[in-house]
Amino acid sequence: MRSISHRGRSATPEQFCATNESTRQVSQDTQSGNPASLSELRVACVVDLDNVCSRRGLYAKRAWAYLDVVAFIAALRERGVRRGTVFQNQKPGDCGSKLWAAAGLRCVGTGTNVDESVKLAAVNYALEGLNCLIVVASDGGYGEVIHAIRRCGIRVELWALRAAVASHLVYAADAVRWIDHFLREPDVAA
């Protein structure tokens, strides 16, 4: 069995859940999936922006789909998200960073592949005592972390692209929301 790395230490999913149980207080209504109110619901999100927007090999060597950030943030806010982290492989632009920050989301550019950073952030949010974590990605590499967080009693929602999602992620999450309508595909050069 693989372990989950958290803050420089490794733990099995069972050890992770035991640590998480000491920090979580979830109402019975929220556990059943019917929160009494949005104020009771503690929701965060982690976003792999490159995974959602990158279009390698489809249009050119590298193309970028356009995300309607304002509408996307509005959907996150409507769902109850007040904090989270948006990860990009490269340094984020000033305008985009300010939009994400205005919504309470931290924008992080790593300069490398962000998959491990997204996984670590998901575990960190889970340890903070969430009721729900929204993972915005389509990459199959997030399946193990989603399973570990769900085993701890935390609801995990997957927001993904219908055409690009790994099928086992759909089954790993408690709920799936398709986000294709927030994206506009890049123009093809003539």
C-alpha atoms as a PDB file:
ATOM      1  CA  MET A   1       0.000   0.000   0.000  1.00  0.00           C
ATOM      2  CA  ARG A   2       1.266   3.461  -0.888  1.00  0.00           C
ATOM      3  CA  SER A   3       1.541   6.218   1.631  1.00  0.00           C
ATOM      4  CA  ILE A   4       0.486   9.848   1.563  1.00  0.00           C
ATOM      5  CA  SER A   5       3.193  12.430   2.122  1.00  0.00           C
ATOM      6  CA  HIS A   6       2.160  15.321   4.339  1.00  0.00           C
ATOM      7  CA  ARG A   7       4.418  18.049   5.720  1.00  0.00           C
ATOM      8  CA  GLY A   8       7.547  15.985   5.194  1.00  0.00           C
ATOM      9  CA  ARG A   9       6.100  12.849   6.815  1.00  0.00           C
ATOM     10  CA  SER A  10       4.540   9.831   5.201  1.00  0.00           C
ATOM     11  CA  ALA A  11       1.384   8.173   6.427  1.00  0.00           C
ATOM     12  CA  THR A  12      -0.897   5.388   5.306  1.00  0.00           C
ATOM     13  CA  PRO A  13      -4.474   6.444   4.501  1.00  0.00           C
ATOM     14  CA  GLU A  14      -5.584   4.993   7.859  1.00  0.00           C
ATOM     15  CA  GLN A  15      -3.020   7.098   9.753  1.00  0.00           C
ATOM     16  CA  PHE A  16      -4.054  10.129   7.725  1.00  0.00           C
ATOM     17  CA  CYS A  17      -7.712   9.575   8.678  1.00  0.00           C
ATOM     18  CA  ALA A  18      -6.828   9.147  12.358  1.00  0.00           C
ATOM     19  CA  THR A  19      -4.971  12.476  12.304  1.00  0.00           C
ATOM     20  CA  ASN A  20      -7.850  14.102  10.484  1.00  0.00           C
ATOM     21  CA  GLU A  21     -10.499  12.798  12.905  1.00  0.00           C
ATOM     22  CA  SER A  22      -8.959  14.722  15.772  1.00  0.00           C
ATOM     23  CA  THR A  23      -9.372  18.020  13.899  1.00  0.00           C
ATOM     24  CA  ARG A  24     -12.784  17.581  12.260  1.00  0.00           C
ATOM     25  CA  GLN A  25     -16.238  18.341  13.579  1.00  0.00           C
ATOM     26  CA  VAL A  26     -18.894  17.544  11.000  1.00  0.00           C
ATOM     27  CA  SER A  27     -22.613  17.782  11.653  1.00  0.00           C
ATOM     28  CA  GLN A  28     -24.824  14.781  10.935  1.00  0.00           C
ATOM     29  CA  ASP A  29     -26.794  16.773   8.349  1.00  0.00           C
ATOM     30  CA  THR A  30     -23.630  17.621   6.416  1.00  0.00           C
ATOM     31  CA  GLN A  31     -22.373  14.029   6.442  1.00  0.00           C
ATOM     32  CA  SER A  32     -25.593  12.894   4.816  1.00  0.00           C
ATOM     33  CA  GLY A  33     -24.969  15.330   1.969  1.00  0.00           C
ATOM     34  CA  ASN A  34     -27.750  17.713   3.001  1.00  0.00           C
ATOM     35  CA  PRO A  35     -26.140  20.634   4.783  1.00  0.00           C
ATOM     36  CA  ALA A  36     -28.513  22.695   6.879  1.00  0.00           C
ATOM     37  CA  SER A  37     -26.996  25.896   5.461  1.00  0.00           C
ATOM     38  CA  LEU A  38     -24.051  27.016   3.372  1.00  0.00           C
ATOM     39  CA  SER A  39     -22.587  28.751   6.427  1.00  0.00           C
ATOM     40  CA  GLU A  40     -22.241  25.336   8.113  1.00  0.00           C
ATOM     41  CA  LEU A  41     -20.499  23.855   5.118  1.00  0.00           C
ATOM     42  CA  ARG A  42     -16.714  24.215   5.100  1.00  0.00           C
ATOM     43  CA  VAL A  43     -15.680  23.918   1.461  1.00  0.00           C
ATOM     44  CA  ALA A  44     -12.296  24.464  -0.194  1.00  0.00           C
ATOM     45  CA  CYS A  45     -10.962  23.741  -3.654  1.00  0.00           C
ATOM     46  CA  VAL A  46      -7.714  22.813  -5.360  1.00  0.00           C
ATOM     47  CA  VAL A  47      -7.366  23.598  -9.055  1.00  0.00           C
ATOM     48  CA  ASP A  48      -4.861  22.166 -11.539  1.00  0.00           C
ATOM     49  CA  LEU A  49      -5.236  24.962 -14.077  1.00  0.00           C
ATOM     50  CA  ASP A  50      -2.780  23.489 -16.580  1.00  0.00           C
ATOM     51  CA  ASN A  51      -4.628  20.180 -16.527  1.00  0.00           C
ATOM     52  CA  VAL A  52      -7.895  21.921 -17.339  1.00  0.00           C
ATOM     53  CA  CYS A  53      -6.671  24.481 -19.888  1.00  0.00           C
ATOM     54  CA  SER A  54      -3.657  22.947 -21.630  1.00  0.00           C
ATOM     55  CA  ARG A  55      -4.285  21.555 -25.109  1.00  0.00           C
ATOM     56  CA  ARG A  56      -1.027  19.842 -26.057  1.00  0.00           C
ATOM     57  CA  GLY A  57      -1.050  18.092 -29.389  1.00  0.00           C
ATOM     58  CA  LEU A  58      -4.580  19.072 -30.359  1.00  0.00           C
ATOM     59  CA  TYR A  59      -3.946  22.388 -32.066  1.00  0.00           C
ATOM     60  CA  ALA A  60      -0.227  22.958 -32.050  1.00  0.00           C
ATOM     61  CA  LYS A  61       2.770  22.155 -29.975  1.00  0.00           C
ATOM     62  CA  ARG A  62       1.061  23.902 -27.044  1.00  0.00           C
ATOM     63  CA  ALA A  63      -2.243  25.750 -26.998  1.00  0.00           C
ATOM     64  CA  TRP A  64      -4.264  27.143 -24.120  1.00  0.00           C
ATOM     65  CA  ALA A  65      -8.052  27.071 -23.765  1.00  0.00           C
ATOM     66  CA  TYR A  66      -9.576  30.257 -22.379  1.00  0.00           C
ATOM     67  CA  LEU A  67     -11.215  29.870 -18.983  1.00  0.00           C
ATOM     68  CA  ASP A  68     -14.052  32.252 -18.104  1.00  0.00           C
ATOM     69  CA  VAL A  69     -12.516  32.982 -14.707  1.00  0.00           C
ATOM     70  CA  VAL A  70     -15.317  35.284 -13.506  1.00  0.00           C
ATOM     71  CA  ALA A  71     -18.069  32.735 -14.231  1.00  0.00           C
ATOM     72  CA  PHE A  72     -15.935  29.916 -12.816  1.00  0.00           C
ATOM     73  CA  ILE A  73     -15.299  31.832  -9.574  1.00  0.00           C
ATOM     74  CA  ALA A  74     -19.022  32.625  -9.347  1.00  0.00           C
ATOM     75  CA  ALA A  75     -19.803  28.887  -9.592  1.00  0.00           C
ATOM     76  CA  LEU A  76     -17.251  28.109  -6.862  1.00  0.00           C
ATOM     77  CA  ARG A  77     -18.720  30.834  -4.619  1.00  0.00           C
ATOM     78  CA  GLU A  78     -22.227  29.526  -5.252  1.00  0.00           C
ATOM     79  CA  ARG A  79     -21.032  26.103  -4.121  1.00  0.00           C
ATOM     80  CA  GLY A  80     -19.708  27.626  -0.888  1.00  0.00           C
ATOM     81  CA  VAL A  81     -15.985  27.851  -1.662  1.00  0.00           C
ATOM     82  CA  ARG A  82     -14.325  30.662   0.258  1.00  0.00           C
ATOM     83  CA  ARG A  83     -10.723  29.426   0.105  1.00  0.00           C
ATOM     84  CA  GLY A  84      -8.526  27.265  -2.025  1.00  0.00           C
ATOM     85  CA  THR A  85      -5.460  27.140  -4.200  1.00  0.00           C
ATOM     86  CA  VAL A  86      -5.062  27.434  -7.962  1.00  0.00           C
ATOM     87  CA  PHE A  87      -1.885  25.803  -9.294  1.00  0.00           C
ATOM     88  CA  GLN A  88      -0.134  26.576 -12.578  1.00  0.00           C
ATOM     89  CA  ASN A  89       3.064  25.140 -14.001  1.00  0.00           C
ATOM     90  CA  GLN A  90       4.318  28.603 -14.942  1.00  0.00           C
ATOM     91  CA  LYS A  91       4.197  31.942 -13.138  1.00  0.00           C
ATOM     92  CA  PRO A  92       0.629  33.288 -13.096  1.00  0.00           C
ATOM     93  CA  GLY A  93      -0.096  36.681 -14.652  1.00  0.00           C
ATOM     94  CA  ASP A  94      -0.963  39.696 -12.500  1.00  0.00           C
ATOM     95  CA  CYS A  95      -4.543  40.030 -13.728  1.00  0.00           C
ATOM     96  CA  GLY A  96      -5.365  36.360 -13.205  1.00  0.00           C
ATOM     97  CA  SER A  97      -3.727  36.328  -9.783  1.00  0.00           C
ATOM     98  CA  LYS A  98      -5.795  39.327  -8.682  1.00  0.00           C
ATOM     99  CA  LEU A  99      -9.036  37.728  -9.858  1.00  0.00           C
ATOM    100  CA  TRP A 100      -8.313  34.490  -7.981  1.00  0.00           C
ATOM    101  CA  ALA A 101      -7.171  36.422  -4.883  1.00  0.00           C
ATOM    102  CA  ALA A 102     -10.369  38.512  -4.867  1.00  0.00           C
ATOM    103  CA  ALA A 103     -12.267  35.229  -4.563  1.00  0.00           C
ATOM    104  CA  GLY A 104     -10.125  34.102  -1.630  1.00  0.00           C
ATOM    105  CA  LEU A 105      -8.073  31.690  -3.708  1.00  0.00           C
ATOM    106  CA  ARG A 106      -4.300  31.598  -3.681  1.00  0.00           C
ATOM    107  CA  CYS A 107      -2.614  31.365  -7.093  1.00  0.00           C
ATOM    108  CA  VAL A 108       0.666  29.418  -7.155  1.00  0.00           C
ATOM    109  CA  GLY A 109       3.064  29.005 -10.066  1.00  0.00           C
ATOM    110  CA  THR A 110       5.579  26.243  -9.426  1.00  0.00           C
ATOM    111  CA  GLY A 111       7.732  26.272 -12.549  1.00  0.00           C
ATOM    112  CA  THR A 112       7.310  22.477 -12.738  1.00  0.00           C
ATOM    113  CA  ASN A 113       4.499  19.954 -12.971  1.00  0.00           C
ATOM    114  CA  VAL A 114       1.956  20.787 -10.264  1.00  0.00           C
ATOM    115  CA  ASP A 115       0.400  17.350  -9.652  1.00  0.00           C
ATOM    116  CA  GLU A 116       2.269  16.691  -6.391  1.00  0.00           C
ATOM    117  CA  SER A 117       1.559  20.225  -5.145  1.00  0.00           C
ATOM    118  CA  VAL A 118      -2.163  19.775  -5.851  1.00  0.00           C
ATOM    119  CA  LYS A 119      -2.194  16.468  -3.963  1.00  0.00           C
ATOM    120  CA  LEU A 120      -0.381  17.973  -0.982  1.00  0.00           C
ATOM    121  CA  ALA A 121      -2.729  20.967  -0.884  1.00  0.00           C
ATOM    122  CA  ALA A 122      -5.737  18.613  -0.981  1.00  0.00           C
ATOM    123  CA  VAL A 123      -4.383  16.693   2.013  1.00  0.00           C
ATOM    124  CA  ASN A 124      -3.636  19.934   3.874  1.00  0.00           C
ATOM    125  CA  TYR A 125      -7.180  21.216   3.337  1.00  0.00           C
ATOM    126  CA  ALA A 126      -8.590  17.860   4.455  1.00  0.00           C
ATOM    127  CA  LEU A 127      -6.581  18.092   7.679  1.00  0.00           C
ATOM    128  CA  GLU A 128      -8.121  21.508   8.379  1.00  0.00           C
ATOM    129  CA  GLY A 129     -11.493  19.890   9.005  1.00  0.00           C
ATOM    130  CA  LEU A 130     -13.447  20.432   5.817  1.00  0.00           C
ATOM    131  CA  ASN A 131     -16.836  19.015   5.025  1.00  0.00           C
ATOM    132  CA  CYS A 132     -16.163  19.080   1.294  1.00  0.00           C
ATOM    133  CA  LEU A 133     -13.187  19.412  -1.036  1.00  0.00           C
ATOM    134  CA  ILE A 134     -13.587  20.316  -4.695  1.00  0.00           C
ATOM    135  CA  VAL A 135     -10.830  18.982  -6.945  1.00  0.00           C
ATOM    136  CA  VAL A 136     -10.714  20.710 -10.331  1.00  0.00           C
ATOM    137  CA  ALA A 137      -8.767  18.401 -12.640  1.00  0.00           C
ATOM    138  CA  SER A 138      -9.188  15.568 -15.111  1.00  0.00           C
ATOM    139  CA  ASP A 139      -5.893  13.780 -14.512  1.00  0.00           C
ATOM    140  CA  GLY A 140      -6.131  10.178 -13.315  1.00  0.00           C
ATOM    141  CA  GLY A 141      -3.197  10.703 -10.952  1.00  0.00           C
ATOM    142  CA  TYR A 142      -5.476  12.206  -8.312  1.00  0.00           C
ATOM    143  CA  GLY A 143      -7.478   9.029  -7.716  1.00  0.00           C
ATOM    144  CA  GLU A 144      -5.490   7.785  -4.716  1.00  0.00           C
ATOM    145  CA  VAL A 145      -5.706  11.094  -2.851  1.00  0.00           C
ATOM    146  CA  ILE A 146      -9.445  11.358  -3.555  1.00  0.00           C
ATOM    147  CA  HIS A 147      -9.979   7.854  -2.150  1.00  0.00           C
ATOM    148  CA  ALA A 148      -7.907   8.622   0.976  1.00  0.00           C
ATOM    149  CA  ILE A 149      -9.805  11.850   1.676  1.00  0.00           C
ATOM    150  CA  ARG A 150     -13.179  10.162   1.150  1.00  0.00           C
ATOM    151  CA  ARG A 151     -12.231   7.363   3.563  1.00  0.00           C
ATOM    152  CA  CYS A 152     -11.898  10.075   6.198  1.00  0.00           C
ATOM    153  CA  GLY A 153     -15.532  11.061   5.743  1.00  0.00           C
ATOM    154  CA  ILE A 154     -14.887  14.178   3.681  1.00  0.00           C
ATOM    155  CA  ARG A 155     -17.049  14.680   0.606  1.00  0.00           C
ATOM    156  CA  VAL A 156     -14.972  15.093  -2.573  1.00  0.00           C
ATOM    157  CA  GLU A 157     -16.429  16.717  -5.658  1.00  0.00           C
ATOM    158  CA  LEU A 158     -14.655  16.436  -8.974  1.00  0.00           C
ATOM    159  CA  TRP A 159     -15.023  19.329 -11.404  1.00  0.00           C
ATOM    160  CA  ALA A 160     -13.640  18.109 -14.722  1.00  0.00           C
ATOM    161  CA  LEU A 161     -13.810  18.235 -18.496  1.00  0.00           C
ATOM    162  CA  ARG A 162     -16.182  15.590 -19.810  1.00  0.00           C
ATOM    163  CA  ALA A 163     -14.016  14.653 -22.798  1.00  0.00           C
ATOM    164  CA  ALA A 164     -10.726  14.544 -20.887  1.00  0.00           C
ATOM    165  CA  VAL A 165     -11.556  13.035 -17.489  1.00  0.00           C
ATOM    166  CA  ALA A 166     -10.025   9.745 -16.407  1.00  0.00           C
ATOM    167  CA  SER A 167     -12.986   7.389 -15.932  1.00  0.00           C
ATOM    168  CA  HIS A 168     -11.772   6.063 -12.576  1.00  0.00           C
ATOM    169  CA  LEU A 169     -11.857   9.618 -11.161  1.00  0.00           C
ATOM    170  CA  VAL A 170     -15.570   9.822 -11.913  1.00  0.00           C
ATOM    171  CA  TYR A 171     -16.119   6.747  -9.749  1.00  0.00           C
ATOM    172  CA  ALA A 172     -13.665   7.881  -7.050  1.00  0.00           C
ATOM    173  CA  ALA A 173     -15.472  11.146  -6.276  1.00  0.00           C
ATOM    174  CA  ASP A 174     -18.766  11.616  -4.437  1.00  0.00           C
ATOM    175  CA  ALA A 175     -20.063  13.933  -7.157  1.00  0.00           C
ATOM    176  CA  VAL A 176     -18.947  15.169 -10.573  1.00  0.00           C
ATOM    177  CA  ARG A 177     -19.609  18.520 -12.215  1.00  0.00           C
ATOM    178  CA  TRP A 178     -18.725  19.067 -15.859  1.00  0.00           C
ATOM    179  CA  ILE A 179     -16.977  22.383 -16.462  1.00  0.00           C
ATOM    180  CA  ASP A 180     -16.666  22.351 -20.256  1.00  0.00           C
ATOM    181  CA  HIS A 181     -19.003  25.360 -20.579  1.00  0.00           C
ATOM    182  CA  PHE A 182     -16.488  27.569 -18.704  1.00  0.00           C
ATOM    183  CA  LEU A 183     -13.857  27.016 -21.424  1.00  0.00           C
ATOM    184  CA  ARG A 184     -13.464  28.355 -24.945  1.00  0.00           C
ATOM    185  CA  GLU A 185     -11.148  26.332 -27.136  1.00  0.00           C
ATOM    186  CA  PRO A 186      -8.176  28.120 -28.727  1.00  0.00           C
ATOM    187  CA  ASP A 187      -8.449  29.374 -32.285  1.00  0.00           C
ATOM    188  CA  VAL A 188      -6.747  27.227 -34.883  1.00  0.00           C
ATOM    189  CA  ALA A 189      -4.078  29.102 -36.845  1.00  0.00           C
ATOM    190  CA  ALA A 190      -4.719  29.082 -40.574  1.00  0.00           C
END
